[in-house]
Amino acid sequence: MNKTTELLDNAININRLIWIMNDEDADVLFNIAKRHLQLAKEALDRTCTAERKTAIQGEIERLRTERDSLIKKYAQ
């Protein structure tokens, strides 16, 4: 089980999170997910270079950290 799954399972139900999250944070969470998907799609492209894939991995990790921090805010 990954860190985020544990965080959600142990701290807060995702459906509850959607209801209690303020609009600004919900927008941020949506934009994080949207950007993550864009990056994953780019990384799967055959023309994506190894260097770009490495940069994408770093950006996705940053997004995950930002997402986890946002979720933790509501888990308390």
N, C-alpha and C. Protein backbone atom coordinates (compact mmCIF):
# COMPACT_ATOMS: atom_id res chain seq x y z
N MET A 1 0.87 -1.18 0.00
CA MET A 1 0.00 0.00 0.00
C MET A 1 0.91 1.24 0.00
N ASN A 2 0.59 2.21 -0.84
CA ASN A 2 1.44 3.40 -0.90
C ASN A 2 1.06 4.41 0.19
N LYS A 3 1.90 5.40 0.33
CA LYS A 3 1.75 6.39 1.39
C LYS A 3 0.41 7.12 1.32
N THR A 4 0.00 7.51 0.12
CA THR A 4 -1.25 8.25 -0.02
C THR A 4 -2.45 7.38 0.30
N THR A 5 -2.43 6.15 -0.15
CA THR A 5 -3.53 5.24 0.16
C THR A 5 -3.65 5.06 1.66
N GLU A 6 -2.54 4.87 2.32
CA GLU A 6 -2.56 4.76 3.78
C GLU A 6 -3.10 6.03 4.41
N LEU A 7 -2.66 7.16 3.91
CA LEU A 7 -3.10 8.44 4.44
C LEU A 7 -4.62 8.56 4.33
N LEU A 8 -5.15 8.23 3.17
CA LEU A 8 -6.59 8.32 2.98
C LEU A 8 -7.34 7.29 3.80
N ASP A 9 -6.84 6.06 3.83
CA ASP A 9 -7.51 5.00 4.58
C ASP A 9 -7.52 5.29 6.07
N ASN A 10 -6.44 5.78 6.57
CA ASN A 10 -6.30 5.98 8.01
C ASN A 10 -6.85 7.30 8.50
N ALA A 11 -6.85 8.30 7.69
CA ALA A 11 -7.17 9.63 8.18
C ALA A 11 -8.54 10.13 7.76
N ILE A 12 -8.91 9.90 6.53
CA ILE A 12 -10.14 10.52 6.05
C ILE A 12 -10.64 9.80 4.81
N ASN A 13 -11.90 9.62 4.71
CA ASN A 13 -12.52 9.02 3.54
C ASN A 13 -12.55 10.06 2.41
N ILE A 14 -12.22 9.64 1.20
CA ILE A 14 -12.14 10.59 0.07
C ILE A 14 -13.47 11.28 -0.18
N ASN A 15 -14.58 10.56 -0.01
CA ASN A 15 -15.88 11.20 -0.19
C ASN A 15 -16.11 12.29 0.85
N ARG A 16 -15.72 12.03 2.07
CA ARG A 16 -15.85 13.04 3.12
C ARG A 16 -14.94 14.23 2.83
N LEU A 17 -13.76 13.94 2.32
CA LEU A 17 -12.81 15.00 1.98
C LEU A 17 -13.42 15.98 0.99
N ILE A 18 -14.08 15.46 -0.03
CA ILE A 18 -14.70 16.31 -1.04
C ILE A 18 -15.74 17.23 -0.40
N TRP A 19 -16.49 16.73 0.56
CA TRP A 19 -17.53 17.53 1.20
C TRP A 19 -16.99 18.58 2.14
N ILE A 20 -15.90 18.29 2.83
CA ILE A 20 -15.40 19.24 3.83
C ILE A 20 -14.36 20.20 3.30
N MET A 21 -13.80 19.90 2.16
CA MET A 21 -12.75 20.75 1.59
C MET A 21 -13.34 22.05 1.07
N ASN A 22 -12.66 23.16 1.35
CA ASN A 22 -13.15 24.43 0.81
C ASN A 22 -12.90 24.49 -0.69
N ASP A 23 -13.59 25.39 -1.36
CA ASP A 23 -13.54 25.46 -2.82
C ASP A 23 -12.13 25.71 -3.36
N GLU A 24 -11.39 26.56 -2.69
CA GLU A 24 -10.04 26.88 -3.14
C GLU A 24 -9.15 25.64 -3.10
N ASP A 25 -9.20 24.90 -1.99
CA ASP A 25 -8.39 23.69 -1.87
C ASP A 25 -8.87 22.61 -2.83
N ALA A 26 -10.16 22.51 -3.05
CA ALA A 26 -10.68 21.54 -4.01
C ALA A 26 -10.17 21.85 -5.41
N ASP A 27 -10.11 23.13 -5.76
CA ASP A 27 -9.57 23.54 -7.06
C ASP A 27 -8.09 23.17 -7.17
N VAL A 28 -7.35 23.41 -6.09
CA VAL A 28 -5.93 23.06 -6.08
C VAL A 28 -5.77 21.55 -6.27
N LEU A 29 -6.55 20.77 -5.54
CA LEU A 29 -6.48 19.31 -5.66
C LEU A 29 -6.82 18.86 -7.08
N PHE A 30 -7.85 19.45 -7.67
CA PHE A 30 -8.22 19.14 -9.04
C PHE A 30 -7.08 19.47 -10.01
N ASN A 31 -6.46 20.63 -9.83
CA ASN A 31 -5.36 21.04 -10.72
C ASN A 31 -4.13 20.15 -10.56
N ILE A 32 -3.88 19.69 -9.33
CA ILE A 32 -2.78 18.76 -9.11
C ILE A 32 -3.05 17.47 -9.88
N ALA A 33 -4.26 16.94 -9.76
CA ALA A 33 -4.60 15.70 -10.47
C ALA A 33 -4.52 15.89 -11.98
N LYS A 34 -5.01 17.01 -12.45
CA LYS A 34 -4.98 17.30 -13.89
C LYS A 34 -3.54 17.36 -14.41
N ARG A 35 -2.68 18.07 -13.68
CA ARG A 35 -1.28 18.20 -14.09
C ARG A 35 -0.57 16.84 -14.04
N HIS A 36 -0.86 16.06 -13.00
CA HIS A 36 -0.27 14.73 -12.88
C HIS A 36 -0.62 13.88 -14.10
N LEU A 37 -1.88 13.91 -14.50
CA LEU A 37 -2.30 13.14 -15.68
C LEU A 37 -1.62 13.63 -16.96
N GLN A 38 -1.49 14.94 -17.09
CA GLN A 38 -0.81 15.50 -18.26
C GLN A 38 0.64 15.01 -18.33
N LEU A 39 1.30 15.03 -17.19
CA LEU A 39 2.70 14.60 -17.13
C LEU A 39 2.84 13.10 -17.43
N ALA A 40 1.93 12.31 -16.86
CA ALA A 40 1.98 10.86 -17.11
C ALA A 40 1.77 10.57 -18.59
N LYS A 41 0.83 11.26 -19.20
CA LYS A 41 0.57 11.08 -20.63
C LYS A 41 1.81 11.45 -21.44
N GLU A 42 2.44 12.56 -21.08
CA GLU A 42 3.64 12.99 -21.79
C GLU A 42 4.76 11.96 -21.64
N ALA A 43 4.92 11.41 -20.45
CA ALA A 43 5.99 10.44 -20.21
C ALA A 43 5.77 9.15 -20.99
N LEU A 44 4.52 8.81 -21.28
CA LEU A 44 4.22 7.59 -22.03
C LEU A 44 4.40 7.75 -23.54
N ASP A 45 4.55 8.97 -23.98
CA ASP A 45 4.75 9.23 -25.40
C ASP A 45 6.11 8.66 -25.84
N ARG A 46 6.13 7.98 -26.98
CA ARG A 46 7.36 7.36 -27.48
C ARG A 46 8.48 8.37 -27.72
N THR A 47 8.11 9.60 -28.00
CA THR A 47 9.12 10.61 -28.32
C THR A 47 9.69 11.31 -27.08
N CYS A 48 9.19 10.97 -25.91
CA CYS A 48 9.66 11.60 -24.68
C CYS A 48 11.08 11.10 -24.37
N THR A 49 11.99 12.03 -24.19
CA THR A 49 13.39 11.66 -23.94
C THR A 49 13.58 11.18 -22.50
N ALA A 50 14.67 10.49 -22.27
CA ALA A 50 14.99 10.00 -20.93
C ALA A 50 15.16 11.17 -19.96
N GLU A 51 15.77 12.24 -20.42
CA GLU A 51 15.97 13.41 -19.57
C GLU A 51 14.63 14.02 -19.16
N ARG A 52 13.73 14.11 -20.13
CA ARG A 52 12.40 14.67 -19.83
C ARG A 52 11.63 13.76 -18.89
N LYS A 53 11.76 12.45 -19.09
CA LYS A 53 11.08 11.52 -18.18
C LYS A 53 11.58 11.68 -16.75
N THR A 54 12.87 11.90 -16.59
CA THR A 54 13.43 12.13 -15.26
C THR A 54 12.85 13.42 -14.66
N ALA A 55 12.76 14.45 -15.46
CA ALA A 55 12.18 15.71 -14.99
C ALA A 55 10.71 15.52 -14.62
N ILE A 56 9.99 14.75 -15.42
CA ILE A 56 8.58 14.48 -15.15
C ILE A 56 8.43 13.74 -13.82
N GLN A 57 9.27 12.75 -13.58
CA GLN A 57 9.22 12.02 -12.32
C GLN A 57 9.40 12.96 -11.14
N GLY A 58 10.32 13.88 -11.25
CA GLY A 58 10.54 14.86 -10.18
C GLY A 58 9.33 15.74 -9.96
N GLU A 59 8.72 16.18 -11.04
CA GLU A 59 7.54 17.04 -10.92
C GLU A 59 6.35 16.27 -10.34
N ILE A 60 6.20 15.02 -10.74
CA ILE A 60 5.12 14.20 -10.18
C ILE A 60 5.33 13.99 -8.69
N GLU A 61 6.55 13.76 -8.26
CA GLU A 61 6.83 13.61 -6.83
C GLU A 61 6.48 14.89 -6.07
N ARG A 62 6.80 16.03 -6.67
CA ARG A 62 6.46 17.31 -6.04
C ARG A 62 4.95 17.46 -5.92
N LEU A 63 4.24 17.08 -6.97
CA LEU A 63 2.78 17.15 -6.95
C LEU A 63 2.19 16.22 -5.89
N ARG A 64 2.76 15.03 -5.76
CA ARG A 64 2.29 14.09 -4.74
C ARG A 64 2.48 14.65 -3.34
N THR A 65 3.62 15.28 -3.12
CA THR A 65 3.89 15.89 -1.83
C THR A 65 2.89 17.01 -1.54
N GLU A 66 2.64 17.83 -2.54
CA GLU A 66 1.66 18.92 -2.39
C GLU A 66 0.27 18.36 -2.11
N ARG A 67 -0.12 17.32 -2.84
CA ARG A 67 -1.42 16.68 -2.64
C ARG A 67 -1.54 16.08 -1.23
N ASP A 68 -0.50 15.37 -0.81
CA ASP A 68 -0.52 14.76 0.52
C ASP A 68 -0.62 15.81 1.62
N SER A 69 0.08 16.91 1.44
CA SER A 69 0.02 18.01 2.41
C SER A 69 -1.39 18.58 2.49
N LEU A 70 -2.01 18.73 1.36
CA LEU A 70 -3.38 19.27 1.31
C LEU A 70 -4.36 18.31 1.99
N ILE A 71 -4.21 17.03 1.75
CA ILE A 71 -5.09 16.03 2.36
C ILE A 71 -4.88 16.00 3.87
N LYS A 72 -3.64 16.08 4.30
CA LYS A 72 -3.33 16.08 5.74
C LYS A 72 -4.00 17.26 6.45
N LYS A 73 -4.11 18.35 5.76
CA LYS A 73 -4.75 19.55 6.32
C LYS A 73 -6.16 19.25 6.80
N TYR A 74 -6.85 18.35 6.10
CA TYR A 74 -8.24 18.01 6.45
C TYR A 74 -8.35 16.74 7.29
N ALA A 75 -7.25 16.07 7.48
CA ALA A 75 -7.27 14.83 8.25
C ALA A 75 -7.21 15.08 9.75
N GLN A 76 -6.98 16.31 10.13
CA GLN A 76 -6.83 16.61 11.54
C GLN A 76 -8.12 17.04 12.18
